Amino acid sequence: YMYCGDGIKSWHSVENSQVQEAEEADNGGTPAGFFRRFRVNHDLVRFPRRFFDLTTIESDPSGGGDPIPQIGQFDQLGNNAQFAAKLQENSHQSTGPVWLRFEPFILHVMCRSMKSASVLMNLARPSFKNVGLTSWNDNVSERRNELKSSSKNDNEQLKGGGPRYLVSIVGDEGLDTPLSLPASPDRGLFYDPRDEASVKNAEWLAQLVNERHTRNWKKIDRFVQAIRSLDDNPVDASTIEGADTFALHQTDDSLKSAREATGLPIPRSFDVVGDVVILNSLPEGDRETQRMVGEWITGRNKAWKICIARVNNLATSDRCPGEGGYVQLAGHHRNPIVTSHYEYGIKAVIDLEHCFFSPRMAPERLRLSQSVARGERVLVIFAGVGMEALQISARTEAKSVLAVEKNSAAVECLRRARRMLERNKTATCPGGGEVAAQKLQIEEGDVLEILPTLEEDSFDRIVAPRPKEGVADGDLGTGDAGKQFLRVMLPLLKSRGECHWYDFAADHELPHCERTRNTIQSVCDEIGLGNVEVIHVAKVGSVAKRQFRVCLDFRIIR
């Protein structure tokens, strides 16, 4: 469509005259938020000369487009005399410069759970680039308690209440360009009916718009097909962990029927990182059977390009399988196995053979980013490929984010992701992706060597997703439970600053994790830092049978 005015689909209330008069004064008499549309069209531009003829924009408001009212947000106001008078009063605005705009596909969906939101985002990402979780509200316990005795089903109980997760899906086929100058609004910059030589420009504009229409429709159709595919391959939302993890369990009826129908040893669960499906172990059977399993899995989603199975344990300090640690079962051969992975609209680059990454930690990373306050200086150690650092940089108003990692392959992935962050349109921090990339600093090296060189009492928040050190960790571990890292890390934390410390605990230690609390307090006593105030203890993932990754959020009171 074409429009005149500010290009903003909003209007301040007529009753709020004092505010509006002040805004008009500030803008030289122009009412803030004025917006008027012409020639709205939801189809291809079939008559370029008529559609882009600005001399007839008042007499021919449709220009061959949709035969609908053109005033925009005032269409639904009926006989509201105040707004009608305001339109008449400001009708001179339609003589200003004329702009051409193409609006891409925009969809906002309110989901009841993080898991259902994850399913929707996974279905949308193969079609649309800008997909993410824009807000959430998980305060549901009181609502559930109130309705506990109700005879209604769960959906009816939660209607109008309960947790809400807002998923935003936005296309990238936009266009916004001026068609005229303010001094001569009826004379087009590209097409003027009085100049026959400019006809090709009208056809060129129509081509730009029509190409965007076509690409937009194809993406919508692909998204619709992905949604409809759930009917053929039902997915239980309760089996989804994280933003990009797809897990199938033995209790899934569709999985049981698939095993019976195919006779294949389909695994109980698998992870998806980017376009790669990862099995924790090789399926039973010969090489041909394993290939058929891989093809069956990748065939469930067009976005899944290859299927690999891990054959090495995560025994190294980098917690990665290493060269040859995966066997590719299906898809085009890829070496090295590198992919780009979206999480809530933020992209990370991951070298799966040489870096550790778990998509099941996505909700935890979202929780971390939502804990960061404006102006904080954040330190992320054991940063890996940097998804925590990227999320905090892109989604918060942190002043600076420093990521420390010694794995050179992971550092290179993080540097590539930072370059892509500069162009990311979904970054919600002030200044967008460019500012987010600028405030993210990367240090390559051992935490034990780099942290002593940093200034003490300089960070408001420290994120420490410590990797598991094999049998040295846990309730029966023979190691020091990370004390060497705590000794160099804690002096950097400001008084009453917050630390997110990750440890490993057995089921009998939950939920208080006294061993981990005592470890942190003993280090504070050793270096004379004061008392530890634990804010939050949470189980954030399983690492083995009855063994869990836990996170302690704590402050040091000096």
Protein backbone atom coordinates (compact mmCIF):
# COMPACT_ATOMS: atom_id res chain seq x y z
CA TYR A 1 0.00 0.00 0.00
CA MET A 2 0.90 3.66 -0.21
CA TYR A 3 0.70 6.01 2.73
CA CYS A 4 1.17 9.59 3.84
CA GLY A 5 2.19 10.75 7.30
CA ASP A 6 4.37 9.21 9.98
CA GLY A 7 3.87 5.63 8.87
CA ILE A 8 2.77 4.61 12.36
CA LYS A 9 -0.55 2.81 12.75
CA SER A 10 -1.58 4.62 15.89
CA TRP A 11 -3.39 7.76 16.95
CA HIS A 12 -3.37 9.54 20.26
CA SER A 13 -6.78 9.87 21.89
CA VAL A 14 -8.68 12.96 20.81
CA GLU A 15 -9.82 13.46 24.40
CA ASN A 16 -6.19 13.86 25.52
CA SER A 17 -6.05 17.32 24.01
CA GLN A 18 -3.26 18.74 26.17
CA VAL A 19 -0.81 15.99 25.21
CA GLN A 20 -1.76 16.22 21.56
CA GLU A 21 -1.42 20.02 21.48
CA ALA A 22 2.05 19.72 23.02
CA GLU A 23 3.07 17.15 20.43
CA GLU A 24 1.71 19.29 17.62
CA ALA A 25 3.76 22.21 18.93
CA ASP A 26 6.89 20.07 19.07
CA ASN A 27 6.35 18.87 15.51
CA GLY A 28 5.66 22.28 14.04
CA GLY A 29 1.91 21.85 14.02
CA THR A 30 1.87 18.30 12.61
CA PRO A 31 -0.23 15.92 14.73
CA ALA A 32 1.85 13.04 16.06
CA GLY A 33 0.96 9.63 14.72
CA PHE A 34 -0.95 10.76 11.61
CA PHE A 35 -1.24 7.91 9.12
CA ARG A 36 -3.37 7.52 6.01
CA ARG A 37 -3.27 4.61 3.57
CA PHE A 38 -4.01 4.41 -0.15
CA ARG A 39 -4.23 1.55 -2.62
CA VAL A 40 -4.09 -1.30 -0.14
CA ASN A 41 -3.50 -4.50 -2.06
CA HIS A 42 -3.19 -8.08 -0.82
CA ASP A 43 -2.62 -9.46 -4.31
CA LEU A 44 -0.10 -8.96 -7.11
CA VAL A 45 0.11 -5.54 -8.72
CA ARG A 46 -1.47 -6.26 -12.09
CA PHE A 47 -1.80 -2.70 -13.43
CA PRO A 48 1.51 -0.94 -12.65
CA ARG A 49 0.76 2.28 -14.54
CA ARG A 50 -2.54 2.74 -12.73
CA PHE A 51 -1.30 1.61 -9.32
CA PHE A 52 1.77 3.89 -9.25
CA ASP A 53 0.07 6.93 -10.78
CA LEU A 54 0.25 9.50 -7.97
CA THR A 55 -1.79 12.11 -9.85
CA THR A 56 -4.94 10.03 -9.25
CA ILE A 57 -4.22 8.94 -5.67
CA GLU A 58 -7.30 10.83 -4.35
CA SER A 59 -9.69 10.18 -7.24
CA ASP A 60 -8.66 6.52 -7.64
CA PRO A 61 -7.87 5.35 -4.08
CA SER A 62 -7.75 1.63 -4.94
CA GLY A 63 -5.56 1.96 -8.03
CA GLY A 64 -6.66 -1.50 -9.09
CA GLY A 65 -5.92 -2.95 -5.66
CA ASP A 66 -8.35 -4.21 -3.03
CA PRO A 67 -11.75 -2.43 -3.14
CA ILE A 68 -11.74 -1.68 0.59
CA PRO A 69 -11.71 1.56 2.65
CA GLN A 70 -8.27 3.16 2.69
CA ILE A 71 -8.17 5.17 5.93
CA GLY A 72 -6.59 2.40 8.00
CA GLN A 73 -7.07 2.36 11.74
CA PHE A 74 -10.15 4.58 11.50
CA ASP A 75 -12.13 2.00 9.46
CA GLN A 76 -13.68 0.50 12.60
CA LEU A 77 -14.69 3.77 14.27
CA GLY A 78 -18.09 3.95 12.60
CA ASN A 79 -19.80 7.32 13.01
CA ASN A 80 -17.42 8.73 15.60
CA ALA A 81 -17.82 12.45 14.94
CA GLN A 82 -14.68 13.44 16.83
CA PHE A 83 -12.40 11.30 14.71
CA ALA A 84 -14.21 12.27 11.52
CA ALA A 85 -13.62 15.92 12.38
CA LYS A 86 -9.97 15.22 13.18
CA LEU A 87 -9.53 13.51 9.80
CA GLN A 88 -11.11 16.44 8.00
CA GLU A 89 -8.97 18.89 9.98
CA ASN A 90 -5.78 17.09 8.97
CA SER A 91 -6.71 16.12 5.44
CA HIS A 92 -3.88 18.32 4.20
CA GLN A 93 -1.52 15.58 5.36
CA SER A 94 -2.43 13.44 2.35
CA THR A 95 -0.67 16.01 0.17
CA GLY A 96 2.69 15.24 1.81
CA PRO A 97 5.28 12.83 0.42
CA VAL A 98 3.87 9.46 -0.61
CA TRP A 99 5.57 6.26 0.50
CA LEU A 100 5.31 2.67 -0.75
CA ARG A 101 5.31 -0.06 1.89
CA PHE A 102 5.18 -3.84 1.69
CA GLU A 103 4.33 -5.47 5.02
CA PRO A 104 5.79 -8.96 5.54
CA PHE A 105 4.05 -11.80 7.33
CA ILE A 106 3.64 -11.05 11.05
CA LEU A 107 2.14 -13.47 13.56
CA HIS A 108 2.04 -13.39 17.36
CA VAL A 109 0.86 -16.50 19.20
CA MET A 110 0.25 -16.81 22.94
CA CYS A 111 1.22 -20.32 24.07
CA ARG A 112 0.33 -22.00 27.37
CA SER A 113 3.75 -23.58 27.99
CA MET A 114 7.38 -23.19 27.08
CA LYS A 115 7.27 -26.60 25.45
CA SER A 116 4.38 -25.79 23.11
CA ALA A 117 6.08 -22.47 22.29
CA SER A 118 9.21 -24.44 21.39
CA VAL A 119 7.25 -26.69 19.05
CA LEU A 120 5.75 -23.67 17.29
CA MET A 121 9.13 -21.93 16.94
CA ASN A 122 10.72 -25.09 15.52
CA LEU A 123 7.96 -25.33 12.93
CA ALA A 124 8.30 -21.66 11.95
CA ARG A 125 12.09 -21.35 11.70
CA PRO A 126 12.52 -23.27 8.41
CA SER A 127 10.28 -20.63 6.81
CA PHE A 128 10.92 -17.39 8.68
CA LYS A 129 14.20 -15.91 9.95
CA ASN A 130 12.87 -13.77 12.77
CA VAL A 131 11.31 -16.20 15.22
CA GLY A 132 11.60 -15.87 18.97
CA LEU A 133 10.00 -15.62 22.37
CA THR A 134 9.23 -11.96 23.08
CA SER A 135 7.73 -12.26 26.57
CA TRP A 136 6.57 -14.81 29.09
CA ASN A 137 4.67 -15.07 32.35
CA ASP A 138 5.01 -18.29 34.30
CA ASN A 139 3.09 -17.32 37.46
CA VAL A 140 0.52 -20.10 37.37
CA SER A 141 0.68 -21.76 40.77
CA GLU A 142 -1.98 -19.58 42.38
CA ARG A 143 -4.30 -20.07 39.42
CA ARG A 144 -3.87 -23.85 39.58
CA ASN A 145 -4.56 -23.92 43.32
CA GLU A 146 -7.76 -21.92 42.86
CA LEU A 147 -9.02 -24.31 40.21
CA LYS A 148 -7.72 -27.53 41.73
CA SER A 149 -11.15 -28.65 42.83
CA SER A 150 -12.82 -27.63 39.57
CA SER A 151 -14.39 -30.32 37.40
CA LYS A 152 -13.35 -28.54 34.20
CA ASN A 153 -10.59 -29.94 32.04
CA ASP A 154 -7.06 -28.48 32.05
CA ASN A 155 -7.59 -26.29 29.01
CA GLU A 156 -10.73 -24.74 30.46
CA GLN A 157 -9.02 -24.26 33.81
CA LEU A 158 -6.17 -22.31 32.31
CA LYS A 159 -8.26 -20.25 29.92
CA GLY A 160 -7.76 -16.61 30.78
CA GLY A 161 -5.03 -17.43 33.30
CA GLY A 162 -1.95 -19.51 33.80
CA PRO A 163 1.44 -19.23 32.08
CA ARG A 164 1.68 -17.32 28.85
CA TYR A 165 4.52 -17.41 26.35
CA LEU A 166 4.31 -14.95 23.45
CA VAL A 167 5.93 -16.25 20.26
CA SER A 168 6.70 -13.71 17.54
CA ILE A 169 7.02 -14.85 13.90
CA VAL A 170 8.04 -12.12 11.47
CA GLY A 171 8.95 -12.36 7.80
CA ASP A 172 11.80 -10.46 6.20
CA GLU A 173 10.21 -9.46 2.89
CA GLY A 174 9.59 -5.83 3.87
CA LEU A 175 9.85 -2.75 1.67
CA ASP A 176 9.54 0.94 2.60
CA THR A 177 10.54 3.55 0.01
CA PRO A 178 9.43 7.09 -0.92
CA LEU A 179 7.56 7.54 -4.18
CA SER A 180 7.57 11.36 -4.22
CA LEU A 181 9.23 14.42 -2.72
CA PRO A 182 7.50 16.70 -0.17
CA ALA A 183 7.58 19.64 -2.58
CA SER A 184 5.81 17.74 -5.41
CA PRO A 185 3.74 14.87 -3.98
CA ASP A 186 1.90 14.21 -7.25
CA ARG A 187 5.10 13.80 -9.27
CA GLY A 188 6.60 10.37 -8.76
CA LEU A 189 10.30 9.81 -8.22
CA PHE A 190 10.13 6.64 -10.31
CA TYR A 191 7.00 6.89 -12.45
CA ASP A 192 5.28 9.94 -13.90
CA PRO A 193 2.38 9.33 -16.33
CA ARG A 194 3.46 12.44 -18.23
CA ASP A 195 6.75 10.74 -19.07
CA GLU A 196 6.39 7.63 -21.23
CA ALA A 197 10.02 6.71 -20.65
CA SER A 198 9.25 6.10 -16.97
CA VAL A 199 6.76 3.30 -17.67
CA LYS A 200 9.54 0.74 -17.23
CA ASN A 201 10.10 2.13 -13.72
CA ALA A 202 6.45 1.42 -12.83
CA GLU A 203 6.89 -2.13 -14.09
CA TRP A 204 10.10 -2.44 -12.06
CA LEU A 205 8.31 -1.30 -8.87
CA ALA A 206 5.54 -3.80 -9.56
CA GLN A 207 8.17 -6.52 -9.99
CA LEU A 208 9.74 -5.67 -6.61
CA VAL A 209 6.36 -5.86 -4.88
CA ASN A 210 5.19 -8.99 -6.71
CA GLU A 211 8.40 -10.88 -5.95
CA ARG A 212 7.92 -10.15 -2.25
CA HIS A 213 4.29 -11.26 -2.45
CA THR A 214 5.32 -14.55 -4.06
CA ARG A 215 8.11 -15.28 -1.59
CA ASN A 216 5.84 -14.32 1.31
CA TRP A 217 3.12 -16.71 0.13
CA LYS A 218 5.58 -19.56 -0.34
CA LYS A 219 6.91 -19.12 3.21
CA ILE A 220 3.38 -19.01 4.60
CA ASP A 221 2.46 -22.17 2.67
CA ARG A 222 5.57 -23.95 3.98
CA PHE A 223 4.69 -22.90 7.53
CA VAL A 224 1.08 -24.06 7.10
CA GLN A 225 2.26 -27.44 5.80
CA ALA A 226 4.56 -27.80 8.81
CA ILE A 227 1.62 -27.11 11.14
CA ARG A 228 -0.60 -29.57 9.28
CA SER A 229 2.10 -32.24 9.42
CA LEU A 230 1.43 -32.50 13.15
CA ASP A 231 -1.84 -34.21 12.30
CA ASP A 232 0.03 -36.95 10.46
CA ASN A 233 2.87 -37.17 12.98
CA PRO A 234 1.39 -36.14 16.32
CA VAL A 235 3.86 -34.63 18.75
CA ASP A 236 3.28 -34.55 22.46
CA ALA A 237 4.40 -31.13 23.69
CA SER A 238 5.45 -32.67 26.97
CA THR A 239 8.26 -34.47 25.10
CA ILE A 240 9.89 -31.22 24.01
CA GLU A 241 12.80 -29.94 26.09
CA GLY A 242 14.33 -26.57 25.22
CA ALA A 243 13.85 -24.35 22.21
CA ASP A 244 15.31 -26.72 19.61
CA THR A 245 15.12 -30.18 21.16
CA PHE A 246 12.78 -32.83 19.82
CA ALA A 247 12.50 -35.94 21.98
CA LEU A 248 10.49 -39.11 21.37
CA HIS A 249 9.74 -41.48 24.22
CA GLN A 250 8.71 -45.11 24.39
CA THR A 251 5.30 -44.10 25.64
CA ASP A 252 4.64 -42.11 22.43
CA ASP A 253 1.92 -44.00 20.53
CA SER A 254 3.15 -42.68 17.16
CA LEU A 255 6.66 -43.97 17.94
CA LYS A 256 5.37 -47.41 18.89
CA SER A 257 3.33 -47.64 15.70
CA ALA A 258 6.32 -46.46 13.65
CA ARG A 259 8.53 -49.15 15.18
CA GLU A 260 5.92 -51.80 14.46
CA ALA A 261 5.32 -50.53 10.93
CA THR A 262 8.98 -50.15 9.93
CA GLY A 263 10.63 -52.76 12.11
CA LEU A 264 13.50 -50.31 12.65
CA PRO A 265 15.34 -49.80 15.97
CA ILE A 266 14.24 -46.17 16.23
CA PRO A 267 15.93 -44.58 19.28
CA ARG A 268 14.00 -43.50 22.33
CA SER A 269 15.09 -39.86 22.04
CA PHE A 270 17.32 -37.53 20.08
CA ASP A 271 18.40 -33.89 20.02
CA VAL A 272 18.27 -31.37 17.20
CA VAL A 273 20.99 -28.75 16.92
CA GLY A 274 20.47 -26.46 13.96
CA ASP A 275 19.79 -28.75 11.00
CA VAL A 276 21.54 -31.76 12.58
CA VAL A 277 19.78 -34.62 14.39
CA ILE A 278 22.02 -36.14 17.07
CA LEU A 279 21.55 -39.66 18.46
CA ASN A 280 23.30 -40.47 21.72
CA SER A 281 24.44 -43.86 20.40
CA LEU A 282 24.41 -45.95 17.25
CA PRO A 283 21.12 -47.75 16.59
CA GLU A 284 21.21 -51.51 16.73
CA GLY A 285 21.73 -53.43 13.51
CA ASP A 286 24.01 -53.28 10.49
CA ARG A 287 25.06 -50.19 8.53
CA GLU A 288 22.06 -50.38 6.18
CA THR A 289 19.62 -50.55 9.12
CA GLN A 290 21.30 -47.56 10.73
CA ARG A 291 21.03 -45.62 7.45
CA MET A 292 17.31 -46.38 7.27
CA VAL A 293 16.83 -45.16 10.86
CA GLY A 294 18.62 -41.91 10.01
CA GLU A 295 16.53 -41.37 6.89
CA TRP A 296 13.31 -42.09 8.77
CA ILE A 297 14.17 -39.46 11.39
CA THR A 298 15.30 -36.74 8.96
CA GLY A 299 12.20 -37.42 6.87
CA ARG A 300 10.00 -36.16 9.70
CA ASN A 301 11.11 -32.54 9.21
CA LYS A 302 12.46 -30.87 6.07
CA ALA A 303 14.68 -28.63 8.19
CA TRP A 304 16.66 -31.63 9.46
CA LYS A 305 19.38 -32.16 6.86
CA ILE A 306 21.65 -34.82 8.38
CA CYS A 307 21.48 -37.42 11.14
CA ILE A 308 24.55 -38.38 13.18
CA ALA A 309 25.18 -40.78 16.06
CA ARG A 310 27.78 -40.32 18.79
CA VAL A 311 30.34 -43.11 19.14
CA ASN A 312 32.74 -41.49 21.64
CA ASN A 313 32.14 -40.48 25.24
CA LEU A 314 32.33 -36.86 26.37
CA ALA A 315 35.39 -37.62 28.47
CA THR A 316 37.66 -34.67 27.67
CA SER A 317 37.70 -31.37 29.58
CA ASP A 318 36.06 -29.74 26.56
CA ARG A 319 33.14 -32.21 26.85
CA CYS A 320 33.13 -32.91 23.10
CA PRO A 321 33.44 -36.21 21.20
CA GLY A 322 36.40 -35.03 19.10
CA GLU A 323 37.43 -35.89 15.56
CA GLY A 324 35.56 -38.97 14.40
CA GLY A 325 33.31 -38.85 17.43
CA TYR A 326 30.19 -39.00 15.27
CA VAL A 327 29.05 -41.36 12.55
CA GLN A 328 26.79 -39.86 9.90
CA LEU A 329 23.75 -42.00 9.20
CA ALA A 330 21.76 -39.94 6.68
CA GLY A 331 21.97 -36.78 4.61
CA HIS A 332 24.72 -35.27 2.48
CA HIS A 333 28.18 -35.88 3.87
CA ARG A 334 29.38 -32.97 6.00
CA ASN A 335 32.92 -32.49 7.25
CA PRO A 336 33.46 -30.73 9.58
CA ILE A 337 30.05 -31.06 11.22
CA VAL A 338 29.29 -27.37 11.75
CA THR A 339 25.80 -25.90 11.96
CA SER A 340 24.07 -22.68 12.95
CA HIS A 341 21.51 -22.99 15.71
CA TYR A 342 18.71 -20.56 16.55
CA GLU A 343 17.57 -20.10 20.13
CA TYR A 344 14.80 -17.57 20.77
CA GLY A 345 15.83 -15.73 17.61
CA ILE A 346 19.57 -15.59 18.43
CA LYS A 347 21.95 -17.58 16.25
CA ALA A 348 25.03 -19.49 17.42
CA VAL A 349 27.59 -21.35 15.32
CA ILE A 350 28.41 -24.84 16.63
CA ASP A 351 31.22 -27.23 15.70
CA LEU A 352 29.63 -30.39 17.04
CA GLU A 353 32.79 -32.50 16.99
CA HIS A 354 34.95 -30.02 18.90
CA CYS A 355 32.49 -28.10 21.10
CA PHE A 356 29.96 -28.95 23.78
CA PHE A 357 26.42 -27.66 23.34
CA SER A 358 23.10 -28.80 24.78
CA PRO A 359 19.83 -27.46 23.32
CA ARG A 360 18.06 -28.78 26.43
CA MET A 361 19.54 -25.87 28.39
CA ALA A 362 17.56 -23.32 26.36
CA PRO A 363 14.96 -22.53 29.07
CA GLU A 364 17.78 -22.09 31.59
CA ARG A 365 19.60 -19.68 29.29
CA LEU A 366 16.38 -17.73 28.87
CA ARG A 367 16.01 -17.55 32.67
CA LEU A 368 19.55 -16.22 32.98
CA SER A 369 19.02 -13.49 30.41
CA GLN A 370 15.82 -12.41 32.13
CA SER A 371 17.70 -12.02 35.42
CA VAL A 372 20.08 -9.39 34.06
CA ALA A 373 19.32 -5.79 35.05
CA ARG A 374 20.05 -2.58 33.17
CA GLY A 375 23.67 -1.40 33.28
CA GLU A 376 25.16 -4.62 34.66
CA ARG A 377 28.65 -5.80 33.81
CA VAL A 378 28.40 -9.55 33.17
CA LEU A 379 31.16 -12.18 33.13
CA VAL A 380 30.51 -15.55 31.47
CA ILE A 381 33.19 -18.17 32.12
CA PHE A 382 33.32 -21.62 30.48
CA ALA A 383 31.46 -19.79 27.70
CA GLY A 384 31.76 -22.56 25.08
CA VAL A 385 30.14 -21.48 21.81
CA GLY A 386 28.74 -18.54 23.76
CA MET A 387 24.98 -18.99 23.67
CA GLU A 388 24.64 -17.58 27.22
CA ALA A 389 26.79 -14.57 26.35
CA LEU A 390 24.95 -14.02 23.05
CA GLN A 391 21.53 -14.18 24.70
CA ILE A 392 22.52 -11.73 27.44
CA SER A 393 24.09 -9.32 24.95
CA ALA A 394 21.14 -9.41 22.57
CA ARG A 395 18.19 -9.58 24.95
CA THR A 396 19.20 -7.39 27.91
CA GLU A 397 20.39 -3.87 28.70
CA ALA A 398 23.65 -5.09 30.22
CA LYS A 399 26.47 -2.56 29.92
CA SER A 400 29.06 -5.15 28.89
CA VAL A 401 29.44 -8.92 28.57
CA LEU A 402 32.82 -10.66 28.80
CA ALA A 403 33.01 -14.30 27.64
CA VAL A 404 36.03 -16.45 28.61
CA GLU A 405 36.71 -19.80 26.93
CA LYS A 406 39.90 -21.83 26.35
CA ASN A 407 38.65 -24.14 23.56
CA SER A 408 39.91 -22.48 20.38
CA ALA A 409 37.24 -24.14 18.22
CA ALA A 410 34.47 -22.83 20.49
CA VAL A 411 36.03 -19.35 20.52
CA GLU A 412 36.06 -19.27 16.71
CA CYS A 413 32.38 -20.28 16.69
CA LEU A 414 31.59 -17.48 19.14
CA ARG A 415 33.44 -14.91 17.04
CA ARG A 416 31.49 -15.94 13.95
CA ALA A 417 28.23 -15.73 15.91
CA ARG A 418 29.16 -12.23 17.12
CA ARG A 419 29.63 -11.11 13.52
CA MET A 420 26.18 -12.46 12.65
CA LEU A 421 24.71 -10.78 15.73
CA GLU A 422 25.49 -7.39 14.18
CA ARG A 423 22.83 -8.07 11.52
CA ASN A 424 20.30 -9.77 13.79
CA LYS A 425 16.93 -8.00 13.68
CA THR A 426 15.48 -9.88 16.65
CA ALA A 427 17.95 -8.46 19.19
CA THR A 428 15.80 -6.59 21.72
CA CYS A 429 18.51 -4.58 23.47
CA PRO A 430 18.63 -0.81 22.79
CA GLY A 431 20.51 -0.26 19.55
CA GLY A 432 19.72 -3.73 18.19
CA GLY A 433 22.20 -6.33 17.02
CA GLU A 434 25.00 -3.89 16.21
CA VAL A 435 25.14 -2.59 19.78
CA ALA A 436 24.74 -6.13 21.17
CA ALA A 437 27.80 -7.25 19.21
CA GLN A 438 29.83 -4.24 20.35
CA LYS A 439 29.28 -4.87 24.05
CA LEU A 440 30.23 -8.57 23.78
CA GLN A 441 33.94 -9.10 24.43
CA ILE A 442 35.70 -12.46 23.98
CA GLU A 443 38.82 -13.69 25.79
CA GLU A 444 40.48 -16.93 24.70
CA GLY A 445 42.39 -18.75 27.42
CA ASP A 446 42.22 -20.72 30.64
CA VAL A 447 39.89 -19.31 33.30
CA LEU A 448 42.57 -19.91 35.95
CA GLU A 449 45.01 -17.72 34.01
CA ILE A 450 42.71 -14.94 32.74
CA LEU A 451 40.55 -14.22 35.81
CA PRO A 452 43.47 -13.24 38.11
CA THR A 453 44.35 -10.50 35.59
CA LEU A 454 40.91 -8.86 35.86
CA GLU A 455 40.00 -6.12 38.31
CA GLU A 456 38.43 -7.25 41.58
CA ASP A 457 34.86 -6.18 42.48
CA SER A 458 34.22 -5.33 38.83
CA PHE A 459 31.29 -7.54 37.80
CA ASP A 460 27.63 -7.32 38.82
CA ARG A 461 26.87 -10.84 37.61
CA ILE A 462 28.91 -13.96 36.89
CA VAL A 463 27.59 -16.93 34.90
CA ALA A 464 29.62 -20.11 35.41
CA PRO A 465 28.21 -23.13 33.51
CA ARG A 466 31.05 -25.35 34.72
CA PRO A 467 31.61 -28.51 32.61
CA LYS A 468 31.45 -31.89 34.30
CA GLU A 469 34.85 -33.37 35.12
CA GLY A 470 33.87 -37.01 34.77
CA VAL A 471 34.04 -39.11 37.95
CA ALA A 472 35.68 -36.19 39.78
CA ASP A 473 32.30 -34.48 40.05
CA GLY A 474 29.11 -35.36 41.89
CA ASP A 475 28.29 -36.64 45.35
CA LEU A 476 30.91 -39.42 45.08
CA GLY A 477 33.41 -37.35 43.11
CA THR A 478 37.09 -37.36 43.91
CA GLY A 479 37.75 -33.79 42.69
CA ASP A 480 37.62 -30.45 44.50
CA ALA A 481 34.07 -29.64 43.24
CA GLY A 482 35.33 -26.58 41.36
CA LYS A 483 37.04 -24.84 44.29
CA GLN A 484 39.99 -23.80 42.13
CA PHE A 485 37.63 -21.87 39.89
CA LEU A 486 35.72 -20.33 42.79
CA ARG A 487 38.96 -18.98 44.26
CA VAL A 488 39.75 -16.90 41.17
CA MET A 489 36.14 -16.06 40.29
CA LEU A 490 34.55 -14.86 43.52
CA PRO A 491 36.90 -11.88 44.13
CA LEU A 492 35.66 -10.40 40.84
CA LEU A 493 32.04 -10.27 42.06
CA LYS A 494 30.81 -7.00 43.53
CA SER A 495 29.25 -6.98 46.98
CA ARG A 496 25.67 -8.19 46.61
CA GLY A 497 26.43 -9.07 43.00
CA GLU A 498 24.85 -12.30 41.79
CA CYS A 499 26.57 -15.50 40.66
CA HIS A 500 25.02 -18.42 38.78
CA TRP A 501 27.17 -21.43 39.73
CA TYR A 502 26.57 -24.80 38.06
CA ASP A 503 27.37 -28.02 39.89
CA PHE A 504 26.41 -31.69 39.77
CA ALA A 505 24.33 -33.41 42.42
CA ALA A 506 22.64 -36.73 43.10
CA ASP A 507 18.88 -36.99 43.53
CA HIS A 508 19.16 -37.44 47.31
CA GLU A 509 20.94 -34.04 47.56
CA LEU A 510 18.03 -32.16 46.01
CA PRO A 511 16.54 -29.65 46.51
CA HIS A 512 18.86 -27.98 49.04
CA CYS A 513 22.25 -29.12 47.66
CA GLU A 514 24.00 -28.63 50.98
CA ARG A 515 27.29 -30.00 49.67
CA THR A 516 27.44 -27.31 46.98
CA ARG A 517 26.46 -24.58 49.44
CA ASN A 518 29.17 -25.67 51.83
CA THR A 519 31.74 -25.72 49.03
CA ILE A 520 31.01 -22.12 48.08
CA GLN A 521 30.95 -20.96 51.71
CA SER A 522 34.26 -22.70 52.47
CA VAL A 523 35.97 -20.83 49.62
CA CYS A 524 34.50 -17.52 50.81
CA ASP A 525 35.83 -18.24 54.31
CA GLU A 526 39.21 -19.24 52.92
CA ILE A 527 39.74 -15.96 51.03
CA GLY A 528 37.83 -13.76 53.48
CA LEU A 529 34.87 -12.67 51.36
CA GLY A 530 31.97 -12.97 53.81
CA ASN A 531 28.75 -14.96 53.93
CA VAL A 532 26.90 -16.59 51.07
CA GLU A 533 23.21 -15.82 50.55
CA VAL A 534 21.58 -18.47 48.32
CA ILE A 535 18.77 -17.01 46.25
CA HIS A 536 17.68 -19.91 44.12
CA VAL A 537 18.50 -23.59 43.64
CA ALA A 538 17.23 -25.39 40.56
CA LYS A 539 17.66 -28.68 38.74
CA VAL A 540 18.44 -27.73 35.13
CA GLY A 541 19.24 -31.04 33.45
CA SER A 542 20.10 -34.71 33.81
CA VAL A 543 23.65 -35.97 33.19
CA ALA A 544 23.23 -39.61 34.20
CA LYS A 545 20.87 -41.88 36.07
CA ARG A 546 19.93 -40.11 39.32
CA GLN A 547 22.62 -37.48 38.63
CA PHE A 548 21.65 -33.91 37.75
CA ARG A 549 23.11 -30.59 36.75
CA VAL A 550 22.03 -27.93 39.25
CA CYS A 551 22.35 -24.16 39.38
CA LEU A 552 22.84 -22.15 42.57
CA ASP A 553 22.13 -18.44 42.33
CA PHE A 554 23.83 -16.72 45.24
CA ARG A 555 25.18 -13.41 46.52
CA ILE A 556 28.12 -12.64 48.76
CA ILE A 557 27.32 -10.37 51.71
CA ARG A 558 30.46 -8.50 52.75
